[in-house]
Amino acid sequence: MSGAMAASMKPSQVQGKNFGHMGSVKPAPPEARKKYGLPEESYVLLKGRGHESWDKAVAGEEARGFRVVKRGSRYYSIPK
């Protein structure tokens, strides 16, 4: 939650299944991209595997053509 708020994310106001849901990723910081050799268009996941909507986050990333990988102690979304 703190990562989403720090990225100025707000809950969705669009009626439907994602109403009130905040995004699951934010752009990966340059330091992480460099350290782990991630592509320019990489994102860091803001929730861990134990979060109740983890599966939705992974499915959302797959739907937009990305895959989730673990590097160090964090999960990142990178283009397929």
N, C-alpha and C. Protein backbone atom coordinates (compact mmCIF):
# COMPACT_ATOMS: atom_id res chain seq x y z
N MET A 1 0.83 -1.19 0.00
CA MET A 1 0.00 0.00 0.00
C MET A 1 0.87 1.26 0.00
N SER A 2 1.92 1.25 0.80
CA SER A 2 2.77 2.44 0.88
C SER A 2 3.47 2.71 -0.46
N GLY A 3 3.85 1.64 -1.16
CA GLY A 3 4.49 1.82 -2.47
C GLY A 3 3.54 2.43 -3.48
N ALA A 4 2.28 1.99 -3.45
CA ALA A 4 1.28 2.54 -4.36
C ALA A 4 1.01 4.00 -4.04
N MET A 5 0.92 4.32 -2.78
CA MET A 5 0.66 5.70 -2.39
C MET A 5 1.86 6.59 -2.74
N ALA A 6 3.06 6.07 -2.55
CA ALA A 6 4.26 6.84 -2.89
C ALA A 6 4.33 7.10 -4.40
N ALA A 7 3.74 6.22 -5.20
CA ALA A 7 3.71 6.39 -6.65
C ALA A 7 2.48 7.20 -7.09
N SER A 8 1.77 7.79 -6.12
CA SER A 8 0.57 8.60 -6.38
C SER A 8 -0.55 7.82 -7.04
N MET A 9 -0.62 6.52 -6.78
CA MET A 9 -1.70 5.71 -7.33
C MET A 9 -2.96 5.92 -6.50
N LYS A 10 -4.08 5.81 -7.18
CA LYS A 10 -5.37 5.97 -6.51
C LYS A 10 -6.26 4.78 -6.88
N PRO A 11 -7.19 4.40 -6.01
CA PRO A 11 -8.10 3.30 -6.35
C PRO A 11 -8.92 3.64 -7.59
N SER A 12 -9.20 2.62 -8.39
CA SER A 12 -10.01 2.80 -9.59
C SER A 12 -11.41 3.27 -9.23
N GLN A 13 -11.91 4.24 -9.96
CA GLN A 13 -13.27 4.73 -9.77
C GLN A 13 -14.21 4.24 -10.87
N VAL A 14 -13.69 3.39 -11.76
CA VAL A 14 -14.48 2.83 -12.84
C VAL A 14 -15.33 1.69 -12.29
N GLN A 15 -16.63 1.77 -12.51
CA GLN A 15 -17.52 0.72 -12.03
C GLN A 15 -17.17 -0.61 -12.70
N GLY A 16 -17.25 -1.69 -11.95
CA GLY A 16 -16.94 -3.01 -12.48
C GLY A 16 -16.10 -3.79 -11.51
N LYS A 17 -15.51 -4.86 -12.01
CA LYS A 17 -14.78 -5.79 -11.13
C LYS A 17 -13.55 -5.18 -10.49
N ASN A 18 -12.98 -4.12 -11.07
CA ASN A 18 -11.77 -3.51 -10.50
C ASN A 18 -12.05 -2.25 -9.70
N PHE A 19 -13.31 -1.95 -9.45
CA PHE A 19 -13.66 -0.75 -8.69
C PHE A 19 -12.97 -0.78 -7.33
N GLY A 20 -12.30 0.30 -6.99
CA GLY A 20 -11.61 0.40 -5.70
C GLY A 20 -10.25 -0.26 -5.67
N HIS A 21 -9.87 -0.94 -6.75
CA HIS A 21 -8.58 -1.64 -6.80
C HIS A 21 -7.48 -0.66 -7.21
N MET A 22 -6.36 -0.76 -6.54
CA MET A 22 -5.20 0.05 -6.93
C MET A 22 -4.32 -0.80 -7.84
N GLY A 23 -3.53 -0.15 -8.64
CA GLY A 23 -2.63 -0.87 -9.53
C GLY A 23 -1.69 -1.77 -8.75
N SER A 24 -1.10 -2.72 -9.43
CA SER A 24 -0.23 -3.69 -8.78
C SER A 24 1.24 -3.47 -9.04
N VAL A 25 1.56 -2.57 -9.97
CA VAL A 25 2.96 -2.34 -10.33
C VAL A 25 3.24 -0.86 -10.46
N LYS A 26 4.53 -0.54 -10.35
CA LYS A 26 5.01 0.80 -10.67
C LYS A 26 6.34 0.60 -11.39
N PRO A 27 6.80 1.59 -12.15
CA PRO A 27 8.06 1.41 -12.88
C PRO A 27 9.20 0.99 -11.94
N ALA A 28 9.98 0.04 -12.41
CA ALA A 28 11.13 -0.41 -11.62
C ALA A 28 12.16 0.70 -11.57
N PRO A 29 12.75 0.92 -10.40
CA PRO A 29 13.77 1.97 -10.30
C PRO A 29 15.02 1.61 -11.11
N PRO A 30 15.69 2.63 -11.62
CA PRO A 30 16.90 2.38 -12.43
C PRO A 30 17.93 1.50 -11.72
N GLU A 31 18.06 1.65 -10.40
CA GLU A 31 19.04 0.85 -9.66
C GLU A 31 18.71 -0.64 -9.75
N ALA A 32 17.43 -0.99 -9.64
CA ALA A 32 17.02 -2.39 -9.73
C ALA A 32 17.20 -2.91 -11.15
N ARG A 33 16.87 -2.08 -12.14
CA ARG A 33 17.05 -2.51 -13.54
C ARG A 33 18.51 -2.82 -13.80
N LYS A 34 19.39 -1.97 -13.31
CA LYS A 34 20.83 -2.17 -13.51
C LYS A 34 21.32 -3.40 -12.76
N LYS A 35 20.95 -3.50 -11.49
CA LYS A 35 21.42 -4.60 -10.64
C LYS A 35 21.01 -5.97 -11.18
N TYR A 36 19.77 -6.07 -11.69
CA TYR A 36 19.25 -7.37 -12.13
C TYR A 36 19.21 -7.52 -13.65
N GLY A 37 19.72 -6.56 -14.39
CA GLY A 37 19.73 -6.65 -15.84
C GLY A 37 18.33 -6.66 -16.44
N LEU A 38 17.44 -5.89 -15.85
CA LEU A 38 16.06 -5.83 -16.33
C LEU A 38 15.95 -4.87 -17.50
N PRO A 39 15.02 -5.14 -18.42
CA PRO A 39 14.84 -4.22 -19.55
C PRO A 39 14.32 -2.86 -19.09
N GLU A 40 14.46 -1.87 -19.95
CA GLU A 40 14.00 -0.50 -19.66
C GLU A 40 12.55 -0.49 -19.21
N GLU A 41 11.69 -1.20 -19.93
CA GLU A 41 10.27 -1.25 -19.56
C GLU A 41 10.03 -2.41 -18.59
N SER A 42 10.39 -2.19 -17.35
CA SER A 42 10.20 -3.17 -16.27
C SER A 42 9.44 -2.50 -15.14
N TYR A 43 8.72 -3.31 -14.40
CA TYR A 43 7.91 -2.80 -13.30
C TYR A 43 8.16 -3.63 -12.06
N VAL A 44 8.04 -3.01 -10.91
CA VAL A 44 8.16 -3.73 -9.64
C VAL A 44 6.74 -3.97 -9.13
N LEU A 45 6.49 -5.20 -8.68
CA LEU A 45 5.18 -5.50 -8.10
C LEU A 45 5.11 -4.92 -6.70
N LEU A 46 3.97 -4.37 -6.37
CA LEU A 46 3.78 -3.71 -5.09
C LEU A 46 3.18 -4.61 -4.04
N LYS A 47 2.99 -5.87 -4.38
CA LYS A 47 2.43 -6.83 -3.41
C LYS A 47 3.21 -8.13 -3.51
N GLY A 48 3.21 -8.88 -2.46
CA GLY A 48 3.90 -10.16 -2.44
C GLY A 48 2.97 -11.31 -2.77
N ARG A 49 3.54 -12.49 -2.87
CA ARG A 49 2.77 -13.68 -3.24
C ARG A 49 1.64 -13.99 -2.26
N GLY A 50 1.76 -13.55 -1.03
CA GLY A 50 0.74 -13.84 -0.03
C GLY A 50 -0.46 -12.89 -0.08
N HIS A 51 -0.40 -11.86 -0.91
CA HIS A 51 -1.50 -10.90 -0.99
C HIS A 51 -2.73 -11.55 -1.62
N GLU A 52 -3.89 -11.19 -1.13
CA GLU A 52 -5.14 -11.81 -1.59
C GLU A 52 -5.40 -11.63 -3.09
N SER A 53 -4.84 -10.58 -3.69
CA SER A 53 -5.07 -10.38 -5.12
C SER A 53 -3.82 -10.65 -5.98
N TRP A 54 -2.88 -11.44 -5.44
CA TRP A 54 -1.67 -11.79 -6.18
C TRP A 54 -1.99 -12.40 -7.54
N ASP A 55 -2.91 -13.37 -7.56
CA ASP A 55 -3.24 -14.04 -8.81
C ASP A 55 -3.80 -13.06 -9.84
N LYS A 56 -4.60 -12.08 -9.39
CA LYS A 56 -5.12 -11.06 -10.30
C LYS A 56 -3.99 -10.22 -10.87
N ALA A 57 -3.02 -9.89 -10.04
CA ALA A 57 -1.89 -9.08 -10.50
C ALA A 57 -1.11 -9.83 -11.58
N VAL A 58 -0.83 -11.09 -11.34
CA VAL A 58 -0.08 -11.89 -12.32
C VAL A 58 -0.88 -12.03 -13.61
N ALA A 59 -2.18 -12.30 -13.50
CA ALA A 59 -3.03 -12.43 -14.69
C ALA A 59 -3.08 -11.11 -15.46
N GLY A 60 -3.15 -10.00 -14.75
CA GLY A 60 -3.16 -8.70 -15.41
C GLY A 60 -1.88 -8.43 -16.16
N GLU A 61 -0.77 -8.79 -15.57
CA GLU A 61 0.52 -8.59 -16.23
C GLU A 61 0.63 -9.49 -17.47
N GLU A 62 0.17 -10.73 -17.36
CA GLU A 62 0.20 -11.63 -18.51
C GLU A 62 -0.69 -11.11 -19.63
N ALA A 63 -1.84 -10.55 -19.28
CA ALA A 63 -2.78 -10.03 -20.28
C ALA A 63 -2.18 -8.86 -21.05
N ARG A 64 -1.28 -8.12 -20.43
CA ARG A 64 -0.67 -7.00 -21.15
C ARG A 64 0.68 -7.36 -21.77
N GLY A 65 1.01 -8.66 -21.77
CA GLY A 65 2.21 -9.13 -22.46
C GLY A 65 3.47 -9.14 -21.63
N PHE A 66 3.31 -9.21 -20.32
CA PHE A 66 4.46 -9.23 -19.41
C PHE A 66 4.47 -10.54 -18.63
N ARG A 67 5.61 -10.84 -18.02
CA ARG A 67 5.69 -12.00 -17.14
C ARG A 67 6.33 -11.56 -15.83
N VAL A 68 5.96 -12.23 -14.76
CA VAL A 68 6.46 -11.89 -13.43
C VAL A 68 7.64 -12.78 -13.10
N VAL A 69 8.74 -12.16 -12.67
CA VAL A 69 9.96 -12.88 -12.29
C VAL A 69 10.41 -12.39 -10.92
N LYS A 70 11.09 -13.25 -10.21
CA LYS A 70 11.64 -12.85 -8.91
C LYS A 70 13.13 -12.58 -9.08
N ARG A 71 13.54 -11.44 -8.59
CA ARG A 71 14.95 -11.06 -8.58
C ARG A 71 15.24 -10.54 -7.19
N GLY A 72 16.19 -11.15 -6.51
CA GLY A 72 16.46 -10.78 -5.12
C GLY A 72 15.23 -11.12 -4.29
N SER A 73 14.78 -10.19 -3.50
CA SER A 73 13.62 -10.44 -2.65
C SER A 73 12.33 -9.83 -3.22
N ARG A 74 12.38 -9.28 -4.44
CA ARG A 74 11.22 -8.62 -5.03
C ARG A 74 10.77 -9.32 -6.30
N TYR A 75 9.55 -9.02 -6.70
CA TYR A 75 9.01 -9.52 -7.95
C TYR A 75 8.93 -8.37 -8.93
N TYR A 76 9.27 -8.66 -10.19
CA TYR A 76 9.27 -7.67 -11.24
C TYR A 76 8.44 -8.19 -12.41
N SER A 77 7.89 -7.27 -13.16
CA SER A 77 7.14 -7.59 -14.36
C SER A 77 7.96 -7.09 -15.55
N ILE A 78 8.27 -8.03 -16.45
CA ILE A 78 9.08 -7.68 -17.61
C ILE A 78 8.38 -8.13 -18.88
N PRO A 79 8.66 -7.47 -20.02
CA PRO A 79 8.03 -7.89 -21.27
C PRO A 79 8.37 -9.33 -21.60
N LYS A 80 7.40 -10.04 -22.18
CA LYS A 80 7.65 -11.45 -22.60
C LYS A 80 8.59 -11.48 -23.77
